[in-house]
Amino acid sequence: MKKLLIASVFILALFRTTSIAQDFIYQPVNPAFGGNPYNYSWLLSQASAQNDFKEETDPFGFLDDDPLSGFQDDLNAQVLNEISRQLYFNQFGEDGLAEGFYEFGSYEIDVSTTSEGMQIRIIDIQTGSETTVVIPFY
């Protein structure tokens, strides 16, 4: 028991002395948050090495997974094209556009001849926006 008492007194005496320490200052690693700018290339290389995401390199959609969906889109485009051709033929006739003022749905179309060529002014009645197209003479 005496040995235990002497050991505990000795241990308490050790902790009784003053300890020497310094201030702890946190500095982030990432240079975007105030860290060392030389860490940038290392962080970027580590992130690139861990990146499993592979971007698909098909900007024009040639690698369609489902050919039936492409067929359906083509068929819809052809049907809409035929309908628009029929509407155009019914509105303007065989000769196509002649000078004059036309109303087509919510659009007003003004066709006139200028020194630059045939000018077609299209006005959207609902929004008030206007588009002018000039078809030059050859």
N, C-alpha and C. Protein backbone atom coordinates (compact mmCIF):
# COMPACT_ATOMS: atom_id res chain seq x y z
N MET A 1 0.82 -1.17 0.00
CA MET A 1 0.00 0.00 0.00
C MET A 1 0.87 1.25 0.00
N LYS A 2 2.01 1.12 0.70
CA LYS A 2 2.91 2.26 0.76
C LYS A 2 3.46 2.56 -0.63
N LYS A 3 3.74 1.52 -1.40
CA LYS A 3 4.29 1.72 -2.74
C LYS A 3 3.27 2.43 -3.62
N LEU A 4 2.01 2.07 -3.47
CA LEU A 4 0.95 2.71 -4.26
C LEU A 4 0.83 4.17 -3.89
N LEU A 5 0.94 4.49 -2.63
CA LEU A 5 0.84 5.86 -2.17
C LEU A 5 2.03 6.67 -2.68
N ILE A 6 3.20 6.11 -2.64
CA ILE A 6 4.40 6.82 -3.10
C ILE A 6 4.31 7.04 -4.63
N ALA A 7 3.82 6.04 -5.37
CA ALA A 7 3.68 6.17 -6.82
C ALA A 7 2.66 7.23 -7.17
N SER A 8 1.54 7.27 -6.47
CA SER A 8 0.52 8.27 -6.76
C SER A 8 1.01 9.67 -6.42
N VAL A 9 1.76 9.84 -5.34
CA VAL A 9 2.31 11.15 -4.99
C VAL A 9 3.32 11.57 -6.07
N PHE A 10 4.13 10.64 -6.53
CA PHE A 10 5.11 10.94 -7.57
C PHE A 10 4.43 11.37 -8.87
N ILE A 11 3.37 10.67 -9.25
CA ILE A 11 2.62 11.01 -10.47
C ILE A 11 1.96 12.37 -10.33
N LEU A 12 1.38 12.67 -9.19
CA LEU A 12 0.77 13.98 -8.96
C LEU A 12 1.83 15.08 -9.01
N ALA A 13 3.00 14.81 -8.54
CA ALA A 13 4.07 15.80 -8.57
C ALA A 13 4.48 16.10 -10.01
N LEU A 14 4.47 15.08 -10.85
CA LEU A 14 4.80 15.31 -12.26
C LEU A 14 3.78 16.20 -12.95
N PHE A 15 2.50 15.98 -12.69
CA PHE A 15 1.45 16.78 -13.32
C PHE A 15 1.37 18.17 -12.73
N ARG A 16 1.96 18.38 -11.60
CA ARG A 16 1.90 19.66 -10.91
C ARG A 16 2.78 20.68 -11.60
N THR A 17 3.77 20.27 -12.36
CA THR A 17 4.66 21.20 -13.02
C THR A 17 3.92 21.91 -14.15
N THR A 18 4.39 23.06 -14.52
CA THR A 18 3.75 23.81 -15.60
C THR A 18 4.09 23.17 -16.94
N SER A 19 3.14 23.15 -17.80
CA SER A 19 3.37 22.56 -19.11
C SER A 19 3.67 23.67 -20.11
N ILE A 20 4.44 23.32 -21.12
CA ILE A 20 4.82 24.27 -22.16
C ILE A 20 4.06 23.88 -23.43
N ALA A 21 3.37 24.87 -24.01
CA ALA A 21 2.60 24.61 -25.23
C ALA A 21 2.62 25.85 -26.10
N GLN A 22 2.18 25.68 -27.32
CA GLN A 22 2.08 26.81 -28.22
C GLN A 22 0.66 26.92 -28.73
N ASP A 23 0.33 28.07 -29.35
CA ASP A 23 -1.02 28.28 -29.88
C ASP A 23 -1.22 27.38 -31.10
N PHE A 24 -2.43 26.88 -31.21
CA PHE A 24 -2.80 26.04 -32.35
C PHE A 24 -3.43 26.96 -33.40
N ILE A 25 -2.88 27.00 -34.59
CA ILE A 25 -3.40 27.85 -35.66
C ILE A 25 -3.82 26.93 -36.80
N TYR A 26 -5.09 27.03 -37.19
CA TYR A 26 -5.61 26.19 -38.26
C TYR A 26 -5.38 26.90 -39.59
N GLN A 27 -4.85 26.18 -40.54
CA GLN A 27 -4.73 26.68 -41.90
C GLN A 27 -5.31 25.63 -42.83
N PRO A 28 -6.31 26.00 -43.64
CA PRO A 28 -6.92 25.00 -44.52
C PRO A 28 -5.93 24.52 -45.59
N VAL A 29 -6.23 23.35 -46.15
CA VAL A 29 -5.38 22.77 -47.19
C VAL A 29 -5.76 23.33 -48.55
N ASN A 30 -7.05 23.49 -48.79
CA ASN A 30 -7.55 23.93 -50.08
C ASN A 30 -7.23 25.40 -50.30
N PRO A 31 -6.58 25.77 -51.42
CA PRO A 31 -6.24 27.17 -51.66
C PRO A 31 -7.47 28.05 -51.88
N ALA A 32 -8.61 27.46 -52.24
CA ALA A 32 -9.82 28.25 -52.40
C ALA A 32 -10.32 28.79 -51.07
N PHE A 33 -9.91 28.17 -49.98
CA PHE A 33 -10.34 28.59 -48.66
C PHE A 33 -9.19 29.20 -47.86
N GLY A 34 -8.15 29.68 -48.52
CA GLY A 34 -7.05 30.34 -47.84
C GLY A 34 -5.86 29.46 -47.59
N GLY A 35 -5.82 28.29 -48.17
CA GLY A 35 -4.69 27.39 -47.97
C GLY A 35 -3.52 27.75 -48.87
N ASN A 36 -2.50 26.96 -48.80
CA ASN A 36 -1.30 27.17 -49.59
C ASN A 36 -1.62 27.00 -51.07
N PRO A 37 -1.29 27.99 -51.92
CA PRO A 37 -1.61 27.86 -53.35
C PRO A 37 -0.83 26.75 -54.05
N TYR A 38 0.24 26.27 -53.48
CA TYR A 38 1.00 25.18 -54.09
C TYR A 38 0.28 23.83 -53.93
N ASN A 39 -0.77 23.78 -53.12
CA ASN A 39 -1.53 22.54 -52.94
C ASN A 39 -2.53 22.31 -54.08
N TYR A 40 -2.74 23.32 -54.92
CA TYR A 40 -3.79 23.25 -55.95
C TYR A 40 -3.57 22.07 -56.90
N SER A 41 -2.39 21.96 -57.47
CA SER A 41 -2.17 20.89 -58.46
C SER A 41 -2.27 19.51 -57.83
N TRP A 42 -1.82 19.37 -56.60
CA TRP A 42 -1.93 18.07 -55.93
C TRP A 42 -3.39 17.71 -55.68
N LEU A 43 -4.18 18.69 -55.21
CA LEU A 43 -5.60 18.42 -54.96
C LEU A 43 -6.33 18.08 -56.26
N LEU A 44 -6.00 18.80 -57.34
CA LEU A 44 -6.65 18.54 -58.63
C LEU A 44 -6.29 17.15 -59.15
N SER A 45 -5.05 16.74 -59.01
CA SER A 45 -4.67 15.42 -59.49
C SER A 45 -5.33 14.32 -58.66
N GLN A 46 -5.48 14.53 -57.35
CA GLN A 46 -6.16 13.55 -56.51
C GLN A 46 -7.64 13.44 -56.88
N ALA A 47 -8.28 14.57 -57.15
CA ALA A 47 -9.70 14.54 -57.52
C ALA A 47 -9.88 13.87 -58.88
N SER A 48 -8.98 14.14 -59.82
CA SER A 48 -9.09 13.52 -61.15
C SER A 48 -8.87 12.02 -61.07
N ALA A 49 -7.99 11.58 -60.19
CA ALA A 49 -7.73 10.15 -60.06
C ALA A 49 -8.92 9.41 -59.46
N GLN A 50 -9.70 10.09 -58.64
CA GLN A 50 -10.84 9.45 -57.98
C GLN A 50 -12.12 9.58 -58.79
N ASN A 51 -12.12 10.37 -59.86
CA ASN A 51 -13.34 10.62 -60.64
C ASN A 51 -13.67 9.40 -61.49
N ASP A 52 -14.83 8.78 -61.22
CA ASP A 52 -15.28 7.62 -62.00
C ASP A 52 -16.24 8.00 -63.11
N PHE A 53 -16.68 9.25 -63.16
CA PHE A 53 -17.68 9.68 -64.13
C PHE A 53 -17.04 9.85 -65.50
N LYS A 54 -17.61 9.21 -66.50
CA LYS A 54 -17.14 9.33 -67.87
C LYS A 54 -18.22 10.03 -68.69
N GLU A 55 -17.86 11.14 -69.30
CA GLU A 55 -18.81 11.91 -70.09
C GLU A 55 -19.03 11.22 -71.43
N GLU A 56 -20.29 11.18 -71.84
CA GLU A 56 -20.61 10.56 -73.13
C GLU A 56 -20.21 11.52 -74.23
N THR A 57 -19.43 11.04 -75.19
CA THR A 57 -18.93 11.89 -76.26
C THR A 57 -19.76 11.68 -77.52
N ASP A 58 -21.04 12.01 -77.44
CA ASP A 58 -21.94 11.90 -78.58
C ASP A 58 -22.76 13.18 -78.66
N PRO A 59 -22.18 14.28 -79.14
CA PRO A 59 -22.89 15.56 -79.10
C PRO A 59 -24.10 15.63 -80.03
N PHE A 60 -24.13 14.82 -81.10
CA PHE A 60 -25.22 14.92 -82.05
C PHE A 60 -26.26 13.83 -81.90
N GLY A 61 -26.11 12.93 -80.95
CA GLY A 61 -27.10 11.90 -80.69
C GLY A 61 -27.09 10.76 -81.69
N PHE A 62 -25.93 10.47 -82.28
CA PHE A 62 -25.87 9.39 -83.26
C PHE A 62 -25.94 8.02 -82.60
N LEU A 63 -25.55 7.94 -81.35
CA LEU A 63 -25.53 6.65 -80.66
C LEU A 63 -26.83 6.46 -79.89
N ASP A 64 -27.95 6.56 -80.58
CA ASP A 64 -29.25 6.39 -79.93
C ASP A 64 -29.38 4.96 -79.43
N ASP A 65 -29.81 4.82 -78.19
CA ASP A 65 -29.96 3.48 -77.63
C ASP A 65 -31.16 2.75 -78.22
N ASP A 66 -32.24 3.50 -78.51
CA ASP A 66 -33.47 2.88 -78.96
C ASP A 66 -33.78 3.33 -80.38
N PRO A 67 -33.62 2.46 -81.38
CA PRO A 67 -33.89 2.87 -82.76
C PRO A 67 -35.38 3.14 -83.01
N LEU A 68 -36.25 2.52 -82.22
CA LEU A 68 -37.68 2.78 -82.41
C LEU A 68 -38.05 4.21 -82.02
N SER A 69 -37.40 4.76 -81.01
CA SER A 69 -37.69 6.13 -80.63
C SER A 69 -37.24 7.09 -81.74
N GLY A 70 -36.08 6.79 -82.39
CA GLY A 70 -35.64 7.60 -83.52
C GLY A 70 -36.59 7.51 -84.69
N PHE A 71 -37.11 6.31 -84.94
CA PHE A 71 -38.08 6.12 -86.01
C PHE A 71 -39.36 6.91 -85.73
N GLN A 72 -39.82 6.89 -84.49
CA GLN A 72 -41.03 7.62 -84.12
C GLN A 72 -40.82 9.13 -84.28
N ASP A 73 -39.65 9.64 -83.90
CA ASP A 73 -39.37 11.06 -84.07
C ASP A 73 -39.35 11.44 -85.54
N ASP A 74 -38.74 10.60 -86.38
CA ASP A 74 -38.70 10.87 -87.83
C ASP A 74 -40.10 10.86 -88.43
N LEU A 75 -40.91 9.90 -88.03
CA LEU A 75 -42.27 9.81 -88.55
C LEU A 75 -43.09 11.03 -88.13
N ASN A 76 -42.97 11.45 -86.88
CA ASN A 76 -43.68 12.65 -86.42
C ASN A 76 -43.24 13.89 -87.20
N ALA A 77 -41.95 14.01 -87.47
CA ALA A 77 -41.45 15.16 -88.23
C ALA A 77 -41.99 15.16 -89.65
N GLN A 78 -42.08 13.98 -90.28
CA GLN A 78 -42.61 13.91 -91.64
C GLN A 78 -44.09 14.25 -91.69
N VAL A 79 -44.85 13.78 -90.70
CA VAL A 79 -46.28 14.09 -90.66
C VAL A 79 -46.49 15.59 -90.47
N LEU A 80 -45.75 16.20 -89.56
CA LEU A 80 -45.88 17.64 -89.34
C LEU A 80 -45.44 18.43 -90.56
N ASN A 81 -44.41 17.96 -91.25
CA ASN A 81 -43.96 18.62 -92.46
C ASN A 81 -45.03 18.57 -93.55
N GLU A 82 -45.69 17.43 -93.71
CA GLU A 82 -46.74 17.30 -94.72
C GLU A 82 -47.93 18.19 -94.39
N ILE A 83 -48.29 18.25 -93.11
CA ILE A 83 -49.41 19.12 -92.69
C ILE A 83 -49.08 20.58 -92.97
N SER A 84 -47.85 20.99 -92.66
CA SER A 84 -47.48 22.39 -92.90
C SER A 84 -47.44 22.70 -94.40
N ARG A 85 -47.00 21.73 -95.23
CA ARG A 85 -47.02 21.96 -96.67
C ARG A 85 -48.45 22.12 -97.18
N GLN A 86 -49.38 21.29 -96.70
CA GLN A 86 -50.78 21.41 -97.11
C GLN A 86 -51.39 22.75 -96.68
N LEU A 87 -51.10 23.16 -95.45
CA LEU A 87 -51.60 24.46 -94.99
C LEU A 87 -51.03 25.60 -95.83
N TYR A 88 -49.76 25.53 -96.15
CA TYR A 88 -49.12 26.55 -96.98
C TYR A 88 -49.76 26.59 -98.37
N PHE A 89 -49.97 25.41 -98.95
CA PHE A 89 -50.57 25.35 -100.29
C PHE A 89 -52.00 25.90 -100.27
N ASN A 90 -52.77 25.56 -99.21
CA ASN A 90 -54.14 26.07 -99.13
C ASN A 90 -54.17 27.58 -98.94
N GLN A 91 -53.21 28.14 -98.23
CA GLN A 91 -53.21 29.58 -97.95
C GLN A 91 -52.69 30.38 -99.13
N PHE A 92 -51.57 29.93 -99.74
CA PHE A 92 -50.90 30.76 -100.75
C PHE A 92 -51.09 30.26 -102.17
N GLY A 93 -51.60 29.07 -102.38
CA GLY A 93 -51.85 28.57 -103.72
C GLY A 93 -50.62 28.02 -104.40
N GLU A 94 -50.74 27.72 -105.70
CA GLU A 94 -49.66 27.11 -106.46
C GLU A 94 -48.51 28.07 -106.71
N ASP A 95 -48.79 29.34 -106.86
CA ASP A 95 -47.75 30.32 -107.21
C ASP A 95 -46.87 30.69 -106.02
N GLY A 96 -47.25 30.26 -104.82
CA GLY A 96 -46.45 30.60 -103.64
C GLY A 96 -46.80 31.99 -103.14
N LEU A 97 -45.82 32.65 -102.59
CA LEU A 97 -46.04 33.97 -102.01
C LEU A 97 -46.17 35.04 -103.09
N ALA A 98 -47.22 35.81 -102.99
CA ALA A 98 -47.39 36.98 -103.85
C ALA A 98 -47.48 38.19 -102.93
N GLU A 99 -47.23 39.37 -103.49
CA GLU A 99 -47.29 40.56 -102.65
C GLU A 99 -48.68 40.71 -102.05
N GLY A 100 -48.72 41.11 -100.78
CA GLY A 100 -49.99 41.29 -100.12
C GLY A 100 -49.87 41.08 -98.62
N PHE A 101 -51.04 41.11 -97.99
CA PHE A 101 -51.12 40.98 -96.54
C PHE A 101 -51.93 39.72 -96.24
N TYR A 102 -51.38 38.83 -95.41
CA TYR A 102 -52.02 37.57 -95.11
C TYR A 102 -52.19 37.42 -93.59
N GLU A 103 -53.24 36.74 -93.18
CA GLU A 103 -53.41 36.35 -91.78
C GLU A 103 -53.41 34.84 -91.72
N PHE A 104 -52.56 34.30 -90.88
CA PHE A 104 -52.38 32.85 -90.79
C PHE A 104 -52.32 32.49 -89.32
N GLY A 105 -53.44 32.02 -88.75
CA GLY A 105 -53.50 31.70 -87.32
C GLY A 105 -53.32 32.96 -86.51
N SER A 106 -52.33 32.98 -85.64
CA SER A 106 -52.08 34.17 -84.82
C SER A 106 -50.95 35.02 -85.41
N TYR A 107 -50.69 34.85 -86.72
CA TYR A 107 -49.63 35.61 -87.38
C TYR A 107 -50.21 36.46 -88.49
N GLU A 108 -49.62 37.64 -88.66
CA GLU A 108 -49.90 38.49 -89.82
C GLU A 108 -48.64 38.50 -90.66
N ILE A 109 -48.79 38.24 -91.96
CA ILE A 109 -47.64 38.16 -92.85
C ILE A 109 -47.81 39.22 -93.93
N ASP A 110 -46.82 40.12 -94.02
CA ASP A 110 -46.84 41.20 -95.01
C ASP A 110 -45.72 40.94 -95.99
N VAL A 111 -46.07 40.69 -97.27
CA VAL A 111 -45.10 40.39 -98.32
C VAL A 111 -45.04 41.59 -99.24
N SER A 112 -43.82 42.13 -99.42
CA SER A 112 -43.65 43.29 -100.30
C SER A 112 -42.31 43.16 -101.02
N THR A 113 -42.15 43.93 -102.10
CA THR A 113 -40.92 43.93 -102.88
C THR A 113 -40.16 45.21 -102.57
N THR A 114 -38.88 45.07 -102.25
CA THR A 114 -38.02 46.23 -101.99
C THR A 114 -36.86 46.19 -102.97
N SER A 115 -35.97 47.16 -102.87
CA SER A 115 -34.81 47.19 -103.77
C SER A 115 -33.83 46.05 -103.46
N GLU A 116 -33.86 45.54 -102.23
CA GLU A 116 -32.95 44.46 -101.84
C GLU A 116 -33.48 43.08 -102.24
N GLY A 117 -34.79 42.95 -102.39
CA GLY A 117 -35.40 41.68 -102.72
C GLY A 117 -36.81 41.61 -102.16
N MET A 118 -37.32 40.41 -102.03
CA MET A 118 -38.65 40.23 -101.48
C MET A 118 -38.56 40.26 -99.95
N GLN A 119 -39.35 41.17 -99.34
CA GLN A 119 -39.34 41.31 -97.89
C GLN A 119 -40.59 40.67 -97.31
N ILE A 120 -40.38 39.79 -96.33
CA ILE A 120 -41.50 39.12 -95.66
C ILE A 120 -41.44 39.54 -94.19
N ARG A 121 -42.49 40.22 -93.75
CA ARG A 121 -42.56 40.66 -92.36
C ARG A 121 -43.60 39.81 -91.65
N ILE A 122 -43.19 39.13 -90.59
CA ILE A 122 -44.07 38.23 -89.84
C ILE A 122 -44.30 38.84 -88.47
N ILE A 123 -45.55 39.07 -88.12
CA ILE A 123 -45.91 39.69 -86.84
C ILE A 123 -46.75 38.70 -86.05
N ASP A 124 -46.33 38.43 -84.82
CA ASP A 124 -47.10 37.58 -83.92
C ASP A 124 -48.12 38.47 -83.21
N ILE A 125 -49.40 38.23 -83.44
CA ILE A 125 -50.46 39.07 -82.89
C ILE A 125 -50.52 38.96 -81.37
N GLN A 126 -50.29 37.78 -80.83
CA GLN A 126 -50.42 37.57 -79.39
C GLN A 126 -49.32 38.27 -78.60
N THR A 127 -48.08 38.18 -79.07
CA THR A 127 -46.97 38.75 -78.31
C THR A 127 -46.51 40.10 -78.84
N GLY A 128 -46.84 40.40 -80.09
CA GLY A 128 -46.41 41.65 -80.69
C GLY A 128 -45.00 41.59 -81.25
N SER A 129 -44.36 40.44 -81.21
CA SER A 129 -43.00 40.33 -81.75
C SER A 129 -43.06 40.32 -83.27
N GLU A 130 -41.96 40.79 -83.87
CA GLU A 130 -41.93 40.94 -85.32
C GLU A 130 -40.61 40.40 -85.86
N THR A 131 -40.70 39.70 -86.99
CA THR A 131 -39.52 39.16 -87.67
C THR A 131 -39.58 39.58 -89.12
N THR A 132 -38.44 40.05 -89.64
CA THR A 132 -38.37 40.46 -91.04
C THR A 132 -37.34 39.60 -91.74
N VAL A 133 -37.76 39.02 -92.88
CA VAL A 133 -36.88 38.19 -93.69
C VAL A 133 -36.80 38.80 -95.06
N VAL A 134 -35.59 38.98 -95.58
CA VAL A 134 -35.41 39.53 -96.93
C VAL A 134 -34.79 38.45 -97.80
N ILE A 135 -35.48 38.11 -98.90
CA ILE A 135 -34.99 37.12 -99.85
C ILE A 135 -34.44 37.91 -101.04
N PRO A 136 -33.11 37.90 -101.23
CA PRO A 136 -32.51 38.74 -102.26
C PRO A 136 -32.84 38.23 -103.67
N PHE A 137 -32.82 39.19 -104.62
CA PHE A 137 -33.00 38.84 -106.03
C PHE A 137 -31.66 38.34 -106.57
N TYR A 138 -31.73 37.42 -107.54
CA TYR A 138 -30.51 36.92 -108.19
C TYR A 138 -30.51 37.32 -109.62
